[in-house]
Amino acid sequence: MSASVSSSATSHPIEISVLVPVMNEAGNITPLVDEICTAFKGRRFEIIYIDDASTDDTAAELSDLLKTVPQLRVLRHEIRSGQSAALWSGLWQARGVLIGVLDGDGQNVPADFPAIEAALQDLGDTPGMVAGIRQRRNDSPSRLLASRAAKWIRASLLADTHPDSGCGIKMLPRSLFIQLPFFNHMHRFMPSLYGAMADALLGCQLSIGHARLARQNIVSWIG
């Protein structure tokens, strides 16, 4: 797995890195980047988009944004590697103390990040991860069924009690994220993996609104 890197680099220390893995999300990117910038206005942050070998205009849209959004960095997989691999590539390039994770299809609401960060900070010195809990889901019946099946597996085999482990919006310290084991589909099990670590607990469950539809593209991302 390899990734090429494009960057609007900054020399200032980074507080938060937001990782956004995408595959064929042209048209969804610019609005989401705008919302992330609004959510973290006045903060030292970076946005890392990881393009998992898209075949649409994703690369061109990201290239254009690099000219106008100094916080944006772009990684590209030349060979499609899956969402977990995309997150892993972004994590090792990230410079922030905290890592925010966000799906790239527009369903997650970046405006929820400040509340998520506040919940994480409320933990004080206790290591923790805050993962979103969707109130309403706009997925297809097949995706909802698959989600319920995955939830049952996580609860049965991994003792995962988080009510919505599959929710794409999360925040945790980078120093702890890099301790999680990497494997294909690991992004679906982050609360389980995190809660199982001897020195790290799932510190807080945060209910967030999750009502809007993905703007244009519903991508079946295998991997």
Protein backbone atom coordinates (compact mmCIF):
# COMPACT_ATOMS: atom_id res chain seq x y z
CA MET A 1 0.00 0.00 0.00
CA SER A 2 1.48 3.34 -0.99
CA ALA A 3 0.11 6.85 -1.18
CA SER A 4 1.24 9.96 -3.00
CA VAL A 5 0.99 13.20 -1.04
CA SER A 6 -0.06 16.72 -2.00
CA SER A 7 -0.09 19.38 0.66
CA SER A 8 -0.73 23.00 1.49
CA ALA A 9 1.72 22.68 4.37
CA THR A 10 1.87 24.88 7.46
CA SER A 11 4.71 25.37 9.92
CA HIS A 12 2.37 25.99 12.86
CA PRO A 13 1.67 23.21 15.40
CA ILE A 14 -1.52 21.33 14.56
CA GLU A 15 -4.18 20.76 17.19
CA ILE A 16 -6.54 18.56 15.18
CA SER A 17 -6.19 16.47 12.04
CA VAL A 18 -9.46 15.53 10.32
CA LEU A 19 -9.13 12.36 8.20
CA VAL A 20 -11.60 11.95 5.35
CA PRO A 21 -11.26 8.78 3.24
CA VAL A 22 -13.03 9.01 -0.12
CA MET A 23 -13.63 6.93 -3.20
CA ASN A 24 -15.55 8.51 -6.09
CA GLU A 25 -17.04 11.40 -4.11
CA ALA A 26 -16.75 14.21 -6.68
CA GLY A 27 -19.34 16.87 -5.89
CA ASN A 28 -19.43 16.03 -2.19
CA ILE A 29 -15.93 17.24 -1.41
CA THR A 30 -16.10 21.04 -1.62
CA PRO A 31 -19.22 21.44 0.58
CA LEU A 32 -17.77 19.11 3.22
CA VAL A 33 -14.40 20.89 3.25
CA ASP A 34 -16.24 24.20 3.70
CA GLU A 35 -18.17 22.77 6.67
CA ILE A 36 -15.01 21.39 8.29
CA CYS A 37 -13.32 24.79 7.95
CA THR A 38 -16.35 26.45 9.53
CA ALA A 39 -16.42 23.96 12.42
CA PHE A 40 -12.76 24.61 13.27
CA LYS A 41 -12.54 28.30 12.42
CA GLY A 42 -9.88 29.98 14.53
CA ARG A 43 -8.19 26.67 15.38
CA ARG A 44 -4.92 25.15 14.17
CA PHE A 45 -6.18 22.21 12.16
CA GLU A 46 -5.55 20.26 9.01
CA ILE A 47 -7.85 18.29 6.74
CA ILE A 48 -6.37 15.17 5.20
CA TYR A 49 -8.34 13.69 2.31
CA ILE A 50 -7.29 10.19 1.31
CA ASP A 51 -8.39 9.42 -2.24
CA ASP A 52 -8.60 5.65 -2.58
CA ALA A 53 -7.94 5.42 -6.33
CA SER A 54 -11.09 7.27 -7.40
CA THR A 55 -12.03 7.08 -11.07
CA ASP A 56 -14.31 10.13 -11.18
CA ASP A 57 -13.37 13.82 -10.76
CA THR A 58 -12.44 13.45 -7.08
CA ALA A 59 -8.73 14.05 -7.74
CA ALA A 60 -9.41 17.14 -9.84
CA GLU A 61 -11.76 18.63 -7.24
CA LEU A 62 -9.21 18.07 -4.49
CA SER A 63 -6.45 19.56 -6.63
CA ASP A 64 -8.49 22.72 -7.14
CA LEU A 65 -9.18 23.01 -3.41
CA LEU A 66 -5.48 22.78 -2.59
CA LYS A 67 -5.09 26.18 -4.23
CA THR A 68 -7.55 27.89 -1.89
CA VAL A 69 -7.66 25.88 1.37
CA PRO A 70 -4.30 26.07 3.18
CA GLN A 71 -5.39 23.51 5.79
CA LEU A 72 -5.99 20.83 3.14
CA ARG A 73 -3.62 17.95 2.46
CA VAL A 74 -4.33 15.21 -0.06
CA LEU A 75 -3.09 11.62 -0.21
CA ARG A 76 -3.86 9.34 -3.12
CA HIS A 77 -3.72 5.57 -3.37
CA GLU A 78 -2.78 4.52 -6.87
CA ILE A 79 -4.35 1.11 -6.22
CA ARG A 80 -7.69 0.82 -4.40
CA SER A 81 -6.96 -0.43 -0.91
CA GLY A 82 -10.17 0.07 1.08
CA GLN A 83 -11.43 2.50 3.69
CA SER A 84 -9.39 1.13 6.59
CA ALA A 85 -6.18 1.37 4.57
CA ALA A 86 -7.09 4.92 3.58
CA LEU A 87 -7.54 5.92 7.22
CA TRP A 88 -4.25 4.24 8.13
CA SER A 89 -2.41 6.16 5.41
CA GLY A 90 -3.91 9.41 6.66
CA LEU A 91 -3.11 8.64 10.28
CA TRP A 92 0.62 8.21 9.63
CA GLN A 93 0.73 11.52 7.77
CA ALA A 94 -1.34 13.38 10.38
CA ARG A 95 0.38 15.97 12.55
CA GLY A 96 -2.44 16.79 14.95
CA VAL A 97 -2.55 15.89 18.63
CA LEU A 98 -6.18 14.85 18.11
CA ILE A 99 -7.57 12.90 15.19
CA GLY A 100 -11.08 13.44 13.89
CA VAL A 101 -12.50 10.82 11.54
CA LEU A 102 -15.25 11.68 9.09
CA ASP A 103 -16.96 9.79 6.27
CA GLY A 104 -16.67 11.59 2.95
CA ASP A 105 -20.19 11.07 1.62
CA GLY A 106 -21.70 14.08 3.37
CA GLN A 107 -23.86 12.24 5.90
CA ASN A 108 -21.67 13.16 8.86
CA VAL A 109 -22.08 16.71 10.10
CA PRO A 110 -18.76 18.49 10.81
CA ALA A 111 -20.62 20.97 13.03
CA ASP A 112 -20.84 18.12 15.58
CA PHE A 113 -17.06 18.07 16.04
CA PRO A 114 -16.88 20.84 18.68
CA ALA A 115 -19.31 18.94 20.92
CA ILE A 116 -17.40 15.72 20.32
CA GLU A 117 -14.12 17.41 21.21
CA ALA A 118 -15.66 18.94 24.34
CA ALA A 119 -16.79 15.49 25.49
CA LEU A 120 -13.29 14.17 24.89
CA GLN A 121 -11.70 17.03 26.81
CA ASP A 122 -14.10 16.43 29.70
CA LEU A 123 -12.36 13.11 30.26
CA GLY A 124 -9.31 14.99 31.51
CA ASP A 125 -6.30 12.69 31.75
CA THR A 126 -8.37 9.56 31.12
CA PRO A 127 -7.57 8.14 27.67
CA GLY A 128 -10.71 8.05 25.61
CA MET A 129 -12.41 8.09 22.25
CA VAL A 130 -15.73 9.77 21.47
CA ALA A 131 -17.78 8.10 18.76
CA GLY A 132 -21.04 9.43 17.38
CA ILE A 133 -24.43 7.80 17.79
CA ARG A 134 -26.74 8.39 14.86
CA GLN A 135 -30.29 9.36 15.80
CA ARG A 136 -31.80 8.76 12.39
CA ARG A 137 -30.25 6.85 9.54
CA ASN A 138 -30.85 7.44 5.85
CA ASP A 139 -29.31 4.22 4.59
CA SER A 140 -30.92 1.74 2.25
CA PRO A 141 -32.71 -1.31 3.73
CA SER A 142 -29.82 -3.56 2.68
CA ARG A 143 -27.25 -1.33 4.40
CA LEU A 144 -29.36 -1.15 7.54
CA LEU A 145 -29.66 -4.94 7.58
CA ALA A 146 -25.91 -5.34 7.14
CA SER A 147 -25.33 -2.82 9.93
CA ARG A 148 -27.60 -4.73 12.31
CA ALA A 149 -25.78 -7.96 11.50
CA ALA A 150 -22.39 -6.32 12.12
CA LYS A 151 -23.65 -4.87 15.40
CA TRP A 152 -24.75 -8.33 16.56
CA ILE A 153 -21.34 -9.77 15.69
CA ARG A 154 -19.51 -7.01 17.54
CA ALA A 155 -21.71 -7.41 20.61
CA SER A 156 -21.53 -11.22 20.60
CA LEU A 157 -17.86 -11.74 19.84
CA LEU A 158 -16.20 -8.55 21.00
CA ALA A 159 -18.46 -7.45 23.87
CA ASP A 160 -18.91 -4.12 22.08
CA THR A 161 -21.67 -2.23 23.88
CA HIS A 162 -21.41 0.99 21.88
CA PRO A 163 -24.83 1.45 20.25
CA ASP A 164 -23.46 2.67 16.91
CA SER A 165 -19.90 1.50 16.30
CA GLY A 166 -20.35 1.94 12.57
CA CYS A 167 -20.93 5.69 12.81
CA GLY A 168 -18.22 7.42 10.79
CA ILE A 169 -17.59 10.46 12.99
CA LYS A 170 -15.12 9.96 15.83
CA MET A 171 -12.34 11.74 17.70
CA LEU A 172 -9.42 10.37 19.70
CA PRO A 173 -5.78 11.20 20.47
CA ARG A 174 -3.35 10.33 17.71
CA SER A 175 -1.03 8.69 20.25
CA LEU A 176 -3.72 6.12 21.02
CA PHE A 177 -5.03 5.69 17.48
CA ILE A 178 -1.64 4.45 16.28
CA GLN A 179 -1.73 1.72 18.94
CA LEU A 180 -4.79 0.09 17.41
CA PRO A 181 -4.08 -3.00 15.30
CA PHE A 182 -4.49 -2.53 11.57
CA PHE A 183 -6.44 -4.99 9.45
CA ASN A 184 -8.96 -4.76 6.63
CA HIS A 185 -12.30 -3.37 7.89
CA MET A 186 -10.73 -2.28 11.19
CA HIS A 187 -12.54 1.07 10.88
CA ARG A 188 -15.80 -0.79 11.57
CA PHE A 189 -14.49 -2.06 14.90
CA MET A 190 -12.71 0.97 16.34
CA PRO A 191 -14.79 1.26 19.53
CA SER A 192 -14.37 -2.49 20.14
CA LEU A 193 -10.63 -2.34 19.56
CA TYR A 194 -10.23 0.81 21.57
CA GLY A 195 -12.25 -0.49 24.51
CA ALA A 196 -10.18 -3.68 24.57
CA MET A 197 -6.88 -1.87 25.06
CA ALA A 198 -5.52 -2.34 28.56
CA ASP A 199 -4.73 1.33 29.11
CA ALA A 200 -7.55 2.94 27.14
CA LEU A 201 -11.29 2.97 27.70
CA LEU A 202 -14.18 4.02 25.52
CA GLY A 203 -14.58 7.21 27.44
CA CYS A 204 -17.82 8.70 26.21
CA GLN A 205 -20.73 8.02 23.91
CA LEU A 206 -22.06 11.16 22.28
CA SER A 207 -25.48 11.36 20.67
CA ILE A 208 -25.38 13.50 17.53
CA GLY A 209 -27.89 14.31 14.81
CA HIS A 210 -27.35 12.22 11.70
CA ALA A 211 -30.35 13.05 9.59
CA ARG A 212 -29.18 14.32 6.25
CA LEU A 213 -28.78 12.28 3.13
CA ALA A 214 -25.45 11.93 1.39
CA ARG A 215 -25.39 14.80 -1.08
CA GLN A 216 -24.95 12.94 -4.34
CA ASN A 217 -23.13 9.66 -4.25
CA ILE A 218 -23.80 6.50 -2.31
CA VAL A 219 -20.64 4.48 -2.84
CA SER A 220 -20.45 0.77 -2.18
CA TRP A 221 -16.95 0.73 -0.71
CA ILE A 222 -15.63 -2.79 -0.51
CA GLY A 223 -12.69 -2.90 1.87
